[in-house]
PDB file of all heavy atoms in Angstrom:
ATOM      1  N   GLY A   1     -18.855  16.052  79.026  1.00  0.00           N
ATOM      2  CA  GLY A   1     -19.687  15.052  78.367  1.00  0.00           C
ATOM      3  C   GLY A   1     -20.863  15.683  77.661  1.00  0.00           C
ATOM      4  O   GLY A   1     -21.958  15.106  77.595  1.00  0.00           O
ATOM      5  N   ARG A   2     -20.654  16.863  77.098  1.00  0.00           N
ATOM      6  CA  ARG A   2     -21.754  17.657  76.568  1.00  0.00           C
ATOM      7  C   ARG A   2     -21.655  17.818  75.057  1.00  0.00           C
ATOM      8  O   ARG A   2     -20.590  18.071  74.523  1.00  0.00           O
ATOM      9  CB  ARG A   2     -21.738  19.042  77.220  1.00  0.00           C
ATOM     10  CG  ARG A   2     -22.904  19.940  76.840  1.00  0.00           C
ATOM     11  CD  ARG A   2     -22.728  21.339  77.375  1.00  0.00           C
ATOM     12  NE  ARG A   2     -22.751  21.379  78.826  1.00  0.00           N
ATOM     13  CZ  ARG A   2     -21.770  21.857  79.570  1.00  0.00           C
ATOM     14  NH1 ARG A   2     -20.678  22.320  78.993  1.00  0.00           N
ATOM     15  NH2 ARG A   2     -21.863  21.880  80.886  1.00  0.00           N
ATOM     16  N   GLY A   3     -22.784  17.661  74.376  1.00  0.00           N
ATOM     17  CA  GLY A   3     -22.886  18.062  72.980  1.00  0.00           C
ATOM     18  C   GLY A   3     -22.299  17.060  72.012  1.00  0.00           C
ATOM     19  O   GLY A   3     -21.979  15.922  72.341  1.00  0.00           O
ATOM     20  N   SER A   4     -22.161  17.507  70.768  1.00  0.00           N
ATOM     21  CA  SER A   4     -21.735  16.652  69.666  1.00  0.00           C
ATOM     22  C   SER A   4     -20.238  16.768  69.456  1.00  0.00           C
ATOM     23  O   SER A   4     -19.780  17.508  68.584  1.00  0.00           O
ATOM     24  CB  SER A   4     -22.479  17.030  68.384  1.00  0.00           C
ATOM     25  OG  SER A   4     -23.871  16.926  68.563  1.00  0.00           O
ATOM     26  N   ASN A   5     -19.465  16.050  70.267  1.00  0.00           N
ATOM     27  CA  ASN A   5     -18.023  16.117  70.085  1.00  0.00           C
ATOM     28  C   ASN A   5     -17.519  15.009  69.165  1.00  0.00           C
ATOM     29  O   ASN A   5     -16.336  14.754  69.084  1.00  0.00           O
ATOM     30  CB  ASN A   5     -17.290  16.074  71.437  1.00  0.00           C
ATOM     31  CG  ASN A   5     -17.709  14.903  72.291  1.00  0.00           C
ATOM     32  OD1 ASN A   5     -17.646  13.765  71.848  1.00  0.00           O
ATOM     33  ND2 ASN A   5     -18.144  15.172  73.513  1.00  0.00           N
ATOM     34  N   PHE A   6     -18.441  14.370  68.441  1.00  0.00           N
ATOM     35  CA  PHE A   6     -18.033  13.377  67.461  1.00  0.00           C
ATOM     36  C   PHE A   6     -17.408  14.076  66.255  1.00  0.00           C
ATOM     37  O   PHE A   6     -17.850  15.123  65.814  1.00  0.00           O
ATOM     38  CB  PHE A   6     -19.230  12.558  66.982  1.00  0.00           C
ATOM     39  CG  PHE A   6     -19.728  11.579  67.991  1.00  0.00           C
ATOM     40  CD1 PHE A   6     -20.634  11.959  68.962  1.00  0.00           C
ATOM     41  CD2 PHE A   6     -19.293  10.277  67.980  1.00  0.00           C
ATOM     42  CE1 PHE A   6     -21.092  11.062  69.894  1.00  0.00           C
ATOM     43  CE2 PHE A   6     -19.748   9.371  68.908  1.00  0.00           C
ATOM     44  CZ  PHE A   6     -20.651   9.765  69.874  1.00  0.00           C
ATOM     45  N   TYR A   7     -16.382  13.470  65.696  1.00  0.00           N
ATOM     46  CA  TYR A   7     -15.679  14.028  64.545  1.00  0.00           C
ATOM     47  C   TYR A   7     -16.608  14.173  63.346  1.00  0.00           C
ATOM     48  O   TYR A   7     -16.428  15.046  62.512  1.00  0.00           O
ATOM     49  CB  TYR A   7     -14.499  13.111  64.202  1.00  0.00           C
ATOM     50  CG  TYR A   7     -13.564  13.642  63.142  1.00  0.00           C
ATOM     51  CD1 TYR A   7     -12.600  14.589  63.460  1.00  0.00           C
ATOM     52  CD2 TYR A   7     -13.635  13.187  61.840  1.00  0.00           C
ATOM     53  CE1 TYR A   7     -11.727  15.055  62.502  1.00  0.00           C
ATOM     54  CE2 TYR A   7     -12.774  13.649  60.874  1.00  0.00           C
ATOM     55  CZ  TYR A   7     -11.819  14.586  61.208  1.00  0.00           C
ATOM     56  OH  TYR A   7     -10.954  15.043  60.258  1.00  0.00           O
ATOM     57  N   ARG A   8     -17.645  13.336  63.248  1.00  0.00           N
ATOM     58  CA  ARG A   8     -18.527  13.391  62.085  1.00  0.00           C
ATOM     59  C   ARG A   8     -19.317  14.693  62.032  1.00  0.00           C
ATOM     60  O   ARG A   8     -19.853  15.055  60.994  1.00  0.00           O
ATOM     61  CB  ARG A   8     -19.494  12.206  62.080  1.00  0.00           C
ATOM     62  CG  ARG A   8     -20.391  12.098  63.299  1.00  0.00           C
ATOM     63  CD  ARG A   8     -21.382  10.965  63.104  1.00  0.00           C
ATOM     64  NE  ARG A   8     -21.887  10.498  64.395  1.00  0.00           N
ATOM     65  CZ  ARG A   8     -22.870   9.622  64.515  1.00  0.00           C
ATOM     66  NH1 ARG A   8     -23.447   9.130  63.457  1.00  0.00           N
ATOM     67  NH2 ARG A   8     -23.269   9.220  65.708  1.00  0.00           N
ATOM     68  N   TYR A   9     -19.432  15.389  63.153  1.00  0.00           N
ATOM     69  CA  TYR A   9     -20.170  16.643  63.156  1.00  0.00           C
ATOM     70  C   TYR A   9     -19.250  17.851  62.989  1.00  0.00           C
ATOM     71  O   TYR A   9     -19.704  18.976  62.961  1.00  0.00           O
ATOM     72  CB  TYR A   9     -20.951  16.796  64.463  1.00  0.00           C
ATOM     73  CG  TYR A   9     -22.023  15.758  64.643  1.00  0.00           C
ATOM     74  CD1 TYR A   9     -22.013  14.914  65.747  1.00  0.00           C
ATOM     75  CD2 TYR A   9     -23.041  15.613  63.712  1.00  0.00           C
ATOM     76  CE1 TYR A   9     -22.995  13.963  65.918  1.00  0.00           C
ATOM     77  CE2 TYR A   9     -24.026  14.664  63.878  1.00  0.00           C
ATOM     78  CZ  TYR A   9     -24.006  13.841  64.988  1.00  0.00           C
ATOM     79  OH  TYR A   9     -24.973  12.883  65.152  1.00  0.00           O
ATOM     80  N   SER A  10     -17.954  17.633  62.906  1.00  0.00           N
ATOM     81  CA  SER A  10     -17.026  18.759  62.893  1.00  0.00           C
ATOM     82  C   SER A  10     -16.974  19.417  61.520  1.00  0.00           C
ATOM     83  O   SER A  10     -17.248  18.791  60.489  1.00  0.00           O
ATOM     84  CB  SER A  10     -15.622  18.290  63.289  1.00  0.00           C
ATOM     85  OG  SER A  10     -15.030  17.590  62.218  1.00  0.00           O
ATOM     86  N   SER A  11     -16.592  20.683  61.513  1.00  0.00           N
ATOM     87  CA  SER A  11     -16.467  21.404  60.252  1.00  0.00           C
ATOM     88  C   SER A  11     -15.370  20.798  59.391  1.00  0.00           C
ATOM     89  O   SER A  11     -15.423  20.848  58.165  1.00  0.00           O
ATOM     90  CB  SER A  11     -16.171  22.882  60.525  1.00  0.00           C
ATOM     91  OG  SER A  11     -14.978  23.016  61.268  1.00  0.00           O
ATOM     92  N   ILE A  12     -14.374  20.193  60.028  1.00  0.00           N
ATOM     93  CA  ILE A  12     -13.268  19.580  59.281  1.00  0.00           C
ATOM     94  C   ILE A  12     -13.792  18.475  58.370  1.00  0.00           C
ATOM     95  O   ILE A  12     -13.465  18.401  57.189  1.00  0.00           O
ATOM     96  CB  ILE A  12     -12.210  19.007  60.249  1.00  0.00           C
ATOM     97  CG1 ILE A  12     -11.624  20.132  61.099  1.00  0.00           C
ATOM     98  CG2 ILE A  12     -11.106  18.283  59.489  1.00  0.00           C
ATOM     99  CD1 ILE A  12     -10.817  19.648  62.267  1.00  0.00           C
ATOM    100  N   ALA A  13     -14.653  17.615  58.924  1.00  0.00           N
ATOM    101  CA  ALA A  13     -15.189  16.507  58.142  1.00  0.00           C
ATOM    102  C   ALA A  13     -16.108  17.009  57.039  1.00  0.00           C
ATOM    103  O   ALA A  13     -16.089  16.515  55.914  1.00  0.00           O
ATOM    104  CB  ALA A  13     -15.942  15.544  59.052  1.00  0.00           C
ATOM    105  N   LYS A  14     -16.911  18.025  57.328  1.00  0.00           N
ATOM    106  CA  LYS A  14     -17.871  18.532  56.346  1.00  0.00           C
ATOM    107  C   LYS A  14     -17.165  19.266  55.206  1.00  0.00           C
ATOM    108  O   LYS A  14     -17.457  19.053  54.030  1.00  0.00           O
ATOM    109  CB  LYS A  14     -18.875  19.451  57.036  1.00  0.00           C
ATOM    110  CG  LYS A  14     -19.805  18.733  58.000  1.00  0.00           C
ATOM    111  CD  LYS A  14     -20.722  19.710  58.715  1.00  0.00           C
ATOM    112  CE  LYS A  14     -21.618  18.996  59.718  1.00  0.00           C
ATOM    113  NZ  LYS A  14     -22.447  19.940  60.497  1.00  0.00           N
ATOM    114  N   GLU A  15     -16.233  20.131  55.562  1.00  0.00           N
ATOM    115  CA  GLU A  15     -15.585  20.948  54.552  1.00  0.00           C
ATOM    116  C   GLU A  15     -14.721  20.122  53.609  1.00  0.00           C
ATOM    117  O   GLU A  15     -14.580  20.446  52.439  1.00  0.00           O
ATOM    118  CB  GLU A  15     -14.732  22.027  55.228  1.00  0.00           C
ATOM    119  CG  GLU A  15     -15.565  23.098  55.925  1.00  0.00           C
ATOM    120  CD  GLU A  15     -14.722  24.000  56.804  1.00  0.00           C
ATOM    121  OE1 GLU A  15     -13.478  23.830  56.793  1.00  0.00           O
ATOM    122  OE2 GLU A  15     -15.292  24.852  57.502  1.00  0.00           O
ATOM    123  N   SER A  16     -14.140  19.054  54.105  1.00  0.00           N
ATOM    124  CA  SER A  16     -13.271  18.233  53.262  1.00  0.00           C
ATOM    125  C   SER A  16     -14.042  17.252  52.397  1.00  0.00           C
ATOM    126  O   SER A  16     -13.464  16.594  51.538  1.00  0.00           O
ATOM    127  CB  SER A  16     -12.285  17.454  54.138  1.00  0.00           C
ATOM    128  OG  SER A  16     -12.987  16.505  54.932  1.00  0.00           O
ATOM    129  N   GLY A  17     -15.333  17.156  52.610  1.00  0.00           N
ATOM    130  CA  GLY A  17     -16.133  16.202  51.852  1.00  0.00           C
ATOM    131  C   GLY A  17     -16.030  14.789  52.372  1.00  0.00           C
ATOM    132  O   GLY A  17     -16.615  13.860  51.812  1.00  0.00           O
ATOM    133  N   ARG A  18     -15.288  14.609  53.457  1.00  0.00           N
ATOM    134  CA  ARG A  18     -15.095  13.266  53.987  1.00  0.00           C
ATOM    135  C   ARG A  18     -16.386  12.692  54.563  1.00  0.00           C
ATOM    136  O   ARG A  18     -16.600  11.487  54.525  1.00  0.00           O
ATOM    137  CB  ARG A  18     -14.023  13.275  55.074  1.00  0.00           C
ATOM    138  CG  ARG A  18     -12.605  13.373  54.547  1.00  0.00           C
ATOM    139  CD  ARG A  18     -11.604  13.507  55.672  1.00  0.00           C
ATOM    140  NE  ARG A  18     -10.239  13.505  55.172  1.00  0.00           N
ATOM    141  CZ  ARG A  18      -9.391  12.489  55.318  1.00  0.00           C
ATOM    142  NH1 ARG A  18      -9.768  11.404  55.951  1.00  0.00           N
ATOM    143  NH2 ARG A  18      -8.164  12.557  54.841  1.00  0.00           N
ATOM    144  N   LEU A  19     -17.217  13.550  55.117  1.00  0.00           N
ATOM    145  CA  LEU A  19     -18.396  13.048  55.814  1.00  0.00           C
ATOM    146  C   LEU A  19     -19.248  12.178  54.904  1.00  0.00           C
ATOM    147  O   LEU A  19     -19.643  11.067  55.274  1.00  0.00           O
ATOM    148  CB  LEU A  19     -19.215  14.212  56.368  1.00  0.00           C
ATOM    149  CG  LEU A  19     -20.471  13.823  57.144  1.00  0.00           C
ATOM    150  CD1 LEU A  19     -20.105  12.973  58.360  1.00  0.00           C
ATOM    151  CD2 LEU A  19     -21.240  15.060  57.589  1.00  0.00           C
ATOM    152  N   LYS A  20     -19.525  12.666  53.696  1.00  0.00           N
ATOM    153  CA  LYS A  20     -20.383  11.906  52.785  1.00  0.00           C
ATOM    154  C   LYS A  20     -19.691  10.618  52.331  1.00  0.00           C
ATOM    155  O   LYS A  20     -20.323   9.564  52.226  1.00  0.00           O
ATOM    156  CB  LYS A  20     -20.779  12.754  51.586  1.00  0.00           C
ATOM    157  CG  LYS A  20     -21.788  12.062  50.671  1.00  0.00           C
ATOM    158  CD  LYS A  20     -22.366  13.002  49.633  1.00  0.00           C
ATOM    159  CE  LYS A  20     -23.398  13.923  50.254  1.00  0.00           C
ATOM    160  NZ  LYS A  20     -24.148  14.681  49.220  1.00  0.00           N
ATOM    161  N   LEU A  21     -18.377  10.689  52.098  1.00  0.00           N
ATOM    162  CA  LEU A  21     -17.656   9.474  51.712  1.00  0.00           C
ATOM    163  C   LEU A  21     -17.670   8.456  52.850  1.00  0.00           C
ATOM    164  O   LEU A  21     -17.860   7.256  52.627  1.00  0.00           O
ATOM    165  CB  LEU A  21     -16.218   9.818  51.331  1.00  0.00           C
ATOM    166  CG  LEU A  21     -15.997  10.333  49.909  1.00  0.00           C
ATOM    167  CD1 LEU A  21     -14.561  10.822  49.737  1.00  0.00           C
ATOM    168  CD2 LEU A  21     -16.316   9.257  48.883  1.00  0.00           C
ATOM    169  N   TYR A  22     -17.464   8.931  54.073  1.00  0.00           N
ATOM    170  CA  TYR A  22     -17.528   8.029  55.221  1.00  0.00           C
ATOM    171  C   TYR A  22     -18.896   7.365  55.308  1.00  0.00           C
ATOM    172  O   TYR A  22     -19.011   6.161  55.548  1.00  0.00           O
ATOM    173  CB  TYR A  22     -17.260   8.799  56.514  1.00  0.00           C
ATOM    174  CG  TYR A  22     -15.821   9.165  56.777  1.00  0.00           C
ATOM    175  CD1 TYR A  22     -15.513  10.269  57.576  1.00  0.00           C
ATOM    176  CD2 TYR A  22     -14.771   8.423  56.257  1.00  0.00           C
ATOM    177  CE1 TYR A  22     -14.211  10.619  57.847  1.00  0.00           C
ATOM    178  CE2 TYR A  22     -13.460   8.766  56.513  1.00  0.00           C
ATOM    179  CZ  TYR A  22     -13.175   9.861  57.310  1.00  0.00           C
ATOM    180  OH  TYR A  22     -11.869  10.202  57.576  1.00  0.00           O
ATOM    181  N   LYS A  23     -19.945   8.169  55.129  1.00  0.00           N
ATOM    182  CA  LYS A  23     -21.303   7.623  55.233  1.00  0.00           C
ATOM    183  C   LYS A  23     -21.569   6.617  54.109  1.00  0.00           C
ATOM    184  O   LYS A  23     -22.270   5.625  54.321  1.00  0.00           O
ATOM    185  CB  LYS A  23     -22.334   8.744  55.189  1.00  0.00           C
ATOM    186  CG  LYS A  23     -22.253   9.736  56.341  1.00  0.00           C
ATOM    187  CD  LYS A  23     -22.498   9.080  57.679  1.00  0.00           C
ATOM    188  CE  LYS A  23     -23.946   8.698  57.902  1.00  0.00           C
ATOM    189  NZ  LYS A  23     -24.184   8.198  59.273  1.00  0.00           N
ATOM    190  N   ALA A  24     -21.000   6.868  52.937  1.00  0.00           N
ATOM    191  CA  ALA A  24     -21.168   5.917  51.837  1.00  0.00           C
ATOM    192  C   ALA A  24     -20.462   4.599  52.151  1.00  0.00           C
ATOM    193  O   ALA A  24     -21.012   3.508  51.935  1.00  0.00           O
ATOM    194  CB  ALA A  24     -20.629   6.521  50.545  1.00  0.00           C
TER     195      ALA A  24
END
């Protein structure tokens, strides 16, 4: 139960550009 295991913090989401689209 430790740390940021949310997908939004993963390198996969950041590198694919999905994070910003999701936030939009």
